N, C-alpha and C. Protein backbone atom coordinates (compact mmCIF):
# COMPACT_ATOMS: atom_id res chain seq x y z
N MET A 1 0.94 -0.98 -0.10
CA MET A 1 0.14 0.04 -0.08
C MET A 1 0.88 1.19 -0.14
N PHE A 2 0.47 2.09 -0.69
CA PHE A 2 1.35 3.51 -0.87
C PHE A 2 0.84 4.45 0.28
N ASP A 3 1.65 5.45 0.65
CA ASP A 3 1.47 6.29 1.64
C ASP A 3 0.32 7.06 1.34
N THR A 4 0.07 7.27 0.41
CA THR A 4 -1.17 8.14 -0.38
C THR A 4 -2.40 7.39 0.26
N GLU A 5 -2.52 6.02 -0.39
CA GLU A 5 -3.58 5.21 0.00
C GLU A 5 -3.90 5.15 1.54
N LEU A 6 -2.82 4.99 2.28
CA LEU A 6 -2.75 4.69 3.82
C LEU A 6 -3.34 5.99 4.20
N TYR A 7 -3.13 7.13 4.07
CA TYR A 7 -3.58 8.37 4.57
C TYR A 7 -4.98 8.60 4.16
N GLN A 8 -5.25 8.35 3.01
CA GLN A 8 -6.66 8.58 2.30
C GLN A 8 -7.60 7.79 3.52
N GLN A 9 -7.07 6.29 3.43
CA GLN A 9 -8.10 5.73 4.37
C GLN A 9 -8.12 6.07 5.80
N ALA A 10 -7.14 6.50 6.33
CA ALA A 10 -7.11 7.04 7.67
C ALA A 10 -7.88 8.15 7.92
N LEU A 11 -7.94 8.98 7.08
CA LEU A 11 -8.57 10.33 7.13
C LEU A 11 -10.10 9.76 6.62
N GLY A 12 -10.49 8.93 6.10
CA GLY A 12 -11.73 8.60 5.53
C GLY A 12 -12.17 9.28 4.38
N LEU A 13 -11.29 9.72 3.60
CA LEU A 13 -11.80 10.09 2.36
C LEU A 13 -12.13 9.56 1.30
N THR A 14 -13.27 9.94 0.80
CA THR A 14 -14.09 9.16 -0.23
C THR A 14 -14.18 9.90 -1.77
N THR A 15 -14.15 9.41 -2.58
CA THR A 15 -14.36 10.09 -4.24
C THR A 15 -15.13 11.24 -3.87
N PRO A 16 -14.92 12.22 -4.36
CA PRO A 16 -14.12 12.65 -5.33
C PRO A 16 -12.63 13.08 -4.71
N TRP A 17 -12.77 13.17 -3.33
CA TRP A 17 -11.21 13.66 -2.67
C TRP A 17 -10.38 12.12 -2.69
N LYS A 18 -9.00 12.75 -2.84
CA LYS A 18 -7.95 12.02 -2.72
C LYS A 18 -6.60 12.65 -2.32
N VAL A 19 -5.92 11.76 -1.58
CA VAL A 19 -4.62 12.07 -1.03
C VAL A 19 -3.60 12.12 -2.42
N THR A 20 -2.94 13.25 -2.84
CA THR A 20 -2.03 13.31 -3.83
C THR A 20 -0.61 13.17 -3.59
N ASP A 21 -0.23 13.40 -2.27
CA ASP A 21 1.12 13.57 -1.82
C ASP A 21 1.21 13.59 -0.13
N VAL A 22 2.14 12.82 0.44
CA VAL A 22 2.50 12.67 1.72
C VAL A 22 3.93 13.12 1.97
N LYS A 23 4.38 14.13 2.77
CA LYS A 23 5.66 14.54 3.18
C LYS A 23 5.89 14.33 4.67
N LEU A 24 7.03 13.39 4.94
CA LEU A 24 7.08 13.45 6.34
C LEU A 24 8.55 14.65 6.76
N ASP A 25 8.36 15.15 7.81
CA ASP A 25 9.49 16.10 8.10
C ASP A 25 9.75 15.86 9.41
N VAL A 26 10.73 15.09 9.64
CA VAL A 26 11.17 14.30 10.92
C VAL A 26 11.85 15.59 11.81
N GLU A 27 12.66 16.44 11.19
CA GLU A 27 13.18 17.51 11.89
C GLU A 27 12.24 18.34 12.59
N SER A 28 11.15 18.45 12.16
CA SER A 28 10.08 19.69 12.72
C SER A 28 9.05 18.67 13.08
N THR A 29 8.81 17.49 12.99
CA THR A 29 8.02 16.38 13.56
C THR A 29 6.70 16.81 13.05
N GLU A 30 6.76 17.14 11.64
CA GLU A 30 5.31 17.29 10.89
C GLU A 30 5.10 16.22 9.91
N ILE A 31 3.99 16.13 9.62
CA ILE A 31 3.56 15.16 8.39
C ILE A 31 2.56 16.12 7.53
N HIS A 32 2.86 16.23 6.27
CA HIS A 32 2.10 17.18 5.28
C HIS A 32 1.36 16.21 4.26
N VAL A 33 0.21 16.52 4.36
CA VAL A 33 -0.56 15.56 3.62
C VAL A 33 -1.60 16.53 2.55
N HIS A 34 -1.18 16.37 1.23
CA HIS A 34 -1.81 17.07 0.16
C HIS A 34 -2.91 16.37 -0.28
N VAL A 35 -4.38 16.84 -0.23
CA VAL A 35 -5.74 16.50 -0.67
C VAL A 35 -6.33 17.32 -1.62
N GLU A 36 -6.58 16.33 -2.54
CA GLU A 36 -7.17 17.26 -3.88
C GLU A 36 -8.69 16.61 -4.45
N ASN A 37 -9.42 17.39 -5.10
CA ASN A 37 -10.68 16.96 -5.81
C ASN A 37 -10.52 17.31 -7.02
N PRO A 38 -11.34 16.69 -7.98
CA PRO A 38 -11.26 17.28 -9.27
C PRO A 38 -11.99 18.34 -9.57
N GLU A 39 -11.41 19.22 -10.38
CA GLU A 39 -11.93 20.92 -10.69
C GLU A 39 -13.35 20.76 -11.13
N GLY A 40 -14.24 21.46 -10.33
CA GLY A 40 -15.62 21.48 -10.85
C GLY A 40 -16.39 20.54 -9.87
N CYS A 41 -15.83 19.50 -8.90
CA CYS A 41 -16.43 18.99 -7.99
C CYS A 41 -16.66 19.74 -6.59
N ARG A 42 -17.84 19.59 -5.91
CA ARG A 42 -18.12 20.08 -4.60
C ARG A 42 -17.92 19.39 -3.57
């Protein structure tokens, strides 16, 4: 399973929302999760 799929499931995101990127910053103890939905969707 890719990180994006794991975070999408952990956050409970469903279509049309999807996690497109996950970045772990160990130094600042932060996780940055990028979430998108297709243009024109509400």
